[in-house]
Amino acid sequence: MASLCEVSKTTVSFILNYKAEEKRISADVIKKAPGYIAETSYQPNQLASSFRMGITKIIGLIVENISDRLETNGSISSGV
């Protein structure tokens, strides 16, 4: 996306993280970004965000025997 906007990756990052005005990025560049975001169908990388934030939003579930039908039908694990 940075190459489409003809700016650096850092500039795009500032725009996406709402820090563009704080970093004194020109209004013209900021106005271009939403169009390019829509054009490229940009979606943030969840894995990269997890590393940066230190939060994965993943839970672990420990079961004694994964093939045991009593544990997988109607128990807590079926709702996870």
Protein backbone atom coordinates (compact mmCIF):
# COMPACT_ATOMS: atom_id res chain seq x y z
CA MET A 1 0.00 0.00 0.00
CA ALA A 2 2.90 2.35 0.68
CA SER A 3 4.07 2.08 -2.91
CA LEU A 4 0.56 2.91 -4.19
CA CYS A 5 0.44 6.04 -2.01
CA GLU A 6 4.05 6.84 -2.96
CA VAL A 7 5.03 7.23 0.69
CA SER A 8 7.05 5.18 3.16
CA LYS A 9 5.71 2.22 5.12
CA THR A 10 6.18 4.27 8.27
CA THR A 11 3.91 7.01 6.92
CA VAL A 12 1.21 4.46 6.10
CA SER A 13 1.56 3.02 9.59
CA PHE A 14 1.06 6.45 11.15
CA ILE A 15 -2.06 7.00 9.05
CA LEU A 16 -3.55 3.60 9.92
CA ASN A 17 -2.82 4.11 13.61
CA TYR A 18 -4.36 7.61 13.65
CA LYS A 19 -1.03 9.28 14.42
CA ALA A 20 -0.67 11.15 11.12
CA GLU A 21 -1.55 14.59 12.46
CA GLU A 22 0.68 14.08 15.48
CA LYS A 23 3.56 13.24 13.12
CA ARG A 24 2.72 16.21 10.87
CA ILE A 25 1.87 14.21 7.77
CA SER A 26 0.26 16.39 5.10
CA ALA A 27 -3.51 16.46 4.80
CA ASP A 28 -3.27 15.48 1.11
CA VAL A 29 -1.51 12.23 1.96
CA ILE A 30 -3.96 11.50 4.77
CA LYS A 31 -6.91 12.04 2.40
CA LYS A 32 -5.49 9.57 -0.15
CA ALA A 33 -5.19 6.71 2.33
CA PRO A 34 -8.88 5.66 2.67
CA GLY A 35 -9.17 5.22 -1.09
CA TYR A 36 -6.10 3.04 -1.25
CA ILE A 37 -7.21 1.06 1.78
CA ALA A 38 -10.53 0.27 0.06
CA GLU A 39 -8.83 -0.39 -3.29
CA THR A 40 -6.43 -2.94 -1.81
CA SER A 41 -8.99 -4.48 0.61
CA TYR A 42 -6.49 -3.92 3.41
CA GLN A 43 -6.96 -6.09 6.51
CA PRO A 44 -4.61 -5.79 9.49
CA ASN A 45 -2.44 -8.84 10.12
CA GLN A 46 -3.79 -10.35 13.34
CA LEU A 47 -0.57 -12.26 14.06
CA ALA A 48 1.54 -9.10 13.77
CA SER A 49 -0.92 -7.21 15.98
CA SER A 50 -0.74 -9.99 18.56
CA PHE A 51 3.05 -9.77 18.69
CA ARG A 52 2.99 -5.99 18.99
CA MET A 53 0.29 -5.89 21.66
CA GLY A 54 1.39 -8.99 23.55
CA ILE A 55 -2.22 -10.28 23.49
CA THR A 56 -3.33 -13.18 21.30
CA LYS A 57 -7.04 -13.51 22.20
CA ILE A 58 -6.52 -17.28 22.11
CA ILE A 59 -7.39 -19.58 24.98
CA GLY A 60 -5.98 -23.00 25.70
CA LEU A 61 -8.06 -26.02 26.61
CA ILE A 62 -6.53 -29.06 28.25
CA VAL A 63 -8.45 -32.33 28.03
CA GLU A 64 -7.42 -35.75 29.26
CA ASN A 65 -8.50 -37.65 26.16
CA ILE A 66 -9.56 -35.80 23.02
CA SER A 67 -11.26 -38.87 21.54
CA ASP A 68 -13.50 -39.39 24.59
CA ARG A 69 -17.06 -38.67 23.40
CA LEU A 70 -18.25 -37.71 26.89
CA GLU A 71 -15.77 -34.83 26.99
CA THR A 72 -16.63 -33.45 23.53
CA ASN A 73 -20.46 -33.72 23.48
CA GLY A 74 -22.39 -31.27 25.60
CA SER A 75 -19.52 -30.20 27.81
CA ILE A 76 -17.65 -26.94 28.05
CA SER A 77 -15.33 -27.93 25.21
CA SER A 78 -18.21 -28.08 22.72
CA GLY A 79 -18.89 -24.38 23.28
CA VAL A 80 -15.28 -23.32 22.77
